[in-house]
Amino acid sequence: MVKAASIGARSQSARTYLEKHFDEYANSTDQKNVIRHALLALKETLQTNTKLDENNTAIAIVGKRCKFGCLPSEQVKEIIASLNNNQAPEPMQL
């Protein structure tokens, strides 16, 4: 089961995205799908002249059945690029 939340400045935009698209990721077991929606929600919070990139974005995996881990910035860059090109991200490795 996936849980989603947003906190901080401009978090209402992210919360609105997460609520609107909840059915698309709520029961997902696919990390790529969940990360995609998290990044799309994050994009909703950016100021108009700011782009999502590996320098202002970190992705961490947290779960009951997996060890905590952060994705390397190069992998974050690839995921964001695939998001911007509307492609499915490559399989992830921690």
C-alpha atoms as a PDB file:
ATOM      1  CA  MET A   1       0.000   0.000   0.000  1.00  0.00           C
ATOM      2  CA  VAL A   2       1.252   3.457  -0.892  1.00  0.00           C
ATOM      3  CA  LYS A   3       0.952   6.468   1.369  1.00  0.00           C
ATOM      4  CA  ALA A   4       1.449   9.964   0.041  1.00  0.00           C
ATOM      5  CA  ALA A   5       1.776  13.322   1.748  1.00  0.00           C
ATOM      6  CA  SER A   6       3.155  16.748   1.049  1.00  0.00           C
ATOM      7  CA  ILE A   7       4.514  19.299   3.492  1.00  0.00           C
ATOM      8  CA  GLY A   8       6.225  22.640   3.284  1.00  0.00           C
ATOM      9  CA  ALA A   9       6.021  25.659   1.051  1.00  0.00           C
ATOM     10  CA  ARG A  10       3.747  25.239  -1.975  1.00  0.00           C
ATOM     11  CA  SER A  11       2.689  21.801  -0.739  1.00  0.00           C
ATOM     12  CA  GLN A  12      -0.979  22.374  -1.561  1.00  0.00           C
ATOM     13  CA  SER A  13      -0.224  22.024  -5.286  1.00  0.00           C
ATOM     14  CA  ALA A  14       1.425  18.660  -4.679  1.00  0.00           C
ATOM     15  CA  ARG A  15      -1.389  17.538  -2.374  1.00  0.00           C
ATOM     16  CA  THR A  16      -3.959  18.441  -5.039  1.00  0.00           C
ATOM     17  CA  TYR A  17      -2.053  16.400  -7.632  1.00  0.00           C
ATOM     18  CA  LEU A  18      -1.739  13.410  -5.285  1.00  0.00           C
ATOM     19  CA  GLU A  19      -5.452  13.490  -4.435  1.00  0.00           C
ATOM     20  CA  LYS A  20      -6.485  13.860  -8.078  1.00  0.00           C
ATOM     21  CA  HIS A  21      -4.348  10.919  -9.250  1.00  0.00           C
ATOM     22  CA  PHE A  22      -4.673   8.702  -6.161  1.00  0.00           C
ATOM     23  CA  ASP A  23      -6.336   5.816  -8.032  1.00  0.00           C
ATOM     24  CA  GLU A  24      -3.393   5.629 -10.443  1.00  0.00           C
ATOM     25  CA  TYR A  25      -0.825   4.767  -7.765  1.00  0.00           C
ATOM     26  CA  ALA A  26      -2.680   3.829  -4.560  1.00  0.00           C
ATOM     27  CA  ASN A  27      -2.370   0.055  -4.944  1.00  0.00           C
ATOM     28  CA  SER A  28       0.699   0.068  -7.139  1.00  0.00           C
ATOM     29  CA  THR A  29       3.539  -2.312  -6.413  1.00  0.00           C
ATOM     30  CA  ASP A  30       5.569  -0.730  -9.194  1.00  0.00           C
ATOM     31  CA  GLN A  31       8.168   1.647  -7.733  1.00  0.00           C
ATOM     32  CA  LYS A  32       8.584   3.344 -11.106  1.00  0.00           C
ATOM     33  CA  ASN A  33       4.912   4.295 -11.174  1.00  0.00           C
ATOM     34  CA  VAL A  34       4.960   5.631  -7.616  1.00  0.00           C
ATOM     35  CA  ILE A  35       8.151   7.632  -8.231  1.00  0.00           C
ATOM     36  CA  ARG A  36       6.696   9.014 -11.457  1.00  0.00           C
ATOM     37  CA  HIS A  37       3.639  10.340  -9.610  1.00  0.00           C
ATOM     38  CA  ALA A  38       5.778  11.708  -6.774  1.00  0.00           C
ATOM     39  CA  LEU A  39       7.896  13.652  -9.266  1.00  0.00           C
ATOM     40  CA  LEU A  40       4.849  14.904 -11.157  1.00  0.00           C
ATOM     41  CA  ALA A  41       3.410  16.128  -7.847  1.00  0.00           C
ATOM     42  CA  LEU A  42       6.724  17.791  -7.041  1.00  0.00           C
ATOM     43  CA  LYS A  43       6.750  19.495 -10.449  1.00  0.00           C
ATOM     44  CA  GLU A  44       3.415  21.091  -9.526  1.00  0.00           C
ATOM     45  CA  THR A  45       5.145  22.966  -6.698  1.00  0.00           C
ATOM     46  CA  LEU A  46       7.934  24.526  -8.754  1.00  0.00           C
ATOM     47  CA  GLN A  47       8.046  28.183  -9.607  1.00  0.00           C
ATOM     48  CA  THR A  48       7.619  28.892 -13.305  1.00  0.00           C
ATOM     49  CA  ASN A  49      11.315  29.537 -13.961  1.00  0.00           C
ATOM     50  CA  THR A  50      12.528  26.438 -12.076  1.00  0.00           C
ATOM     51  CA  LYS A  51      12.947  23.014 -13.647  1.00  0.00           C
ATOM     52  CA  LEU A  52      13.086  19.697 -11.878  1.00  0.00           C
ATOM     53  CA  ASP A  53      16.601  18.263 -12.172  1.00  0.00           C
ATOM     54  CA  GLU A  54      19.080  16.038 -10.354  1.00  0.00           C
ATOM     55  CA  ASN A  55      20.493  19.047  -8.501  1.00  0.00           C
ATOM     56  CA  ASN A  56      17.231  19.965  -6.763  1.00  0.00           C
ATOM     57  CA  THR A  57      15.686  16.490  -6.485  1.00  0.00           C
ATOM     58  CA  ALA A  58      16.493  13.438  -4.389  1.00  0.00           C
ATOM     59  CA  ILE A  59      14.683  10.111  -4.510  1.00  0.00           C
ATOM     60  CA  ALA A  60      14.739   7.753  -1.552  1.00  0.00           C
ATOM     61  CA  ILE A  61      13.082   4.358  -1.288  1.00  0.00           C
ATOM     62  CA  VAL A  62      11.513   3.525   2.069  1.00  0.00           C
ATOM     63  CA  GLY A  63       9.430   0.469   2.870  1.00  0.00           C
ATOM     64  CA  LYS A  64       8.725  -2.362   5.237  1.00  0.00           C
ATOM     65  CA  ARG A  65      10.266  -4.986   2.953  1.00  0.00           C
ATOM     66  CA  CYS A  66      13.190  -3.029   1.563  1.00  0.00           C
ATOM     67  CA  LYS A  67      16.254  -1.388   2.909  1.00  0.00           C
ATOM     68  CA  PHE A  68      16.304   2.437   2.894  1.00  0.00           C
ATOM     69  CA  GLY A  69      18.273   3.779  -0.014  1.00  0.00           C
ATOM     70  CA  CYS A  70      18.756   6.893  -2.108  1.00  0.00           C
ATOM     71  CA  LEU A  71      19.063   6.699  -5.857  1.00  0.00           C
ATOM     72  CA  PRO A  72      22.296   8.092  -7.332  1.00  0.00           C
ATOM     73  CA  SER A  73      21.967  11.516  -8.968  1.00  0.00           C
ATOM     74  CA  GLU A  74      22.680  10.063 -12.425  1.00  0.00           C
ATOM     75  CA  GLN A  75      19.703   7.738 -12.059  1.00  0.00           C
ATOM     76  CA  VAL A  76      17.536  10.629 -10.815  1.00  0.00           C
ATOM     77  CA  LYS A  77      18.604  12.558 -13.917  1.00  0.00           C
ATOM     78  CA  GLU A  78      17.533   9.652 -16.166  1.00  0.00           C
ATOM     79  CA  ILE A  79      14.176   9.306 -14.416  1.00  0.00           C
ATOM     80  CA  ILE A  80      13.461  13.025 -14.741  1.00  0.00           C
ATOM     81  CA  ALA A  81      14.471  12.942 -18.416  1.00  0.00           C
ATOM     82  CA  SER A  82      12.095  10.044 -19.071  1.00  0.00           C
ATOM     83  CA  LEU A  83       9.376  11.932 -17.215  1.00  0.00           C
ATOM     84  CA  ASN A  84       9.930  15.008 -19.378  1.00  0.00           C
ATOM     85  CA  ASN A  85       9.805  12.852 -22.528  1.00  0.00           C
ATOM     86  CA  ASN A  86       6.712  10.931 -21.340  1.00  0.00           C
ATOM     87  CA  GLN A  87       8.663   7.674 -21.427  1.00  0.00           C
ATOM     88  CA  ALA A  88       8.634   4.914 -18.877  1.00  0.00           C
ATOM     89  CA  PRO A  89      11.707   5.167 -16.637  1.00  0.00           C
ATOM     90  CA  GLU A  90      14.357   2.491 -16.807  1.00  0.00           C
ATOM     91  CA  PRO A  91      14.375  -0.177 -14.078  1.00  0.00           C
ATOM     92  CA  MET A  92      15.845   1.157 -10.841  1.00  0.00           C
ATOM     93  CA  GLN A  93      18.641  -0.228  -8.737  1.00  0.00           C
ATOM     94  CA  LEU A  94      19.569   0.931  -5.253  1.00  0.00           C
END
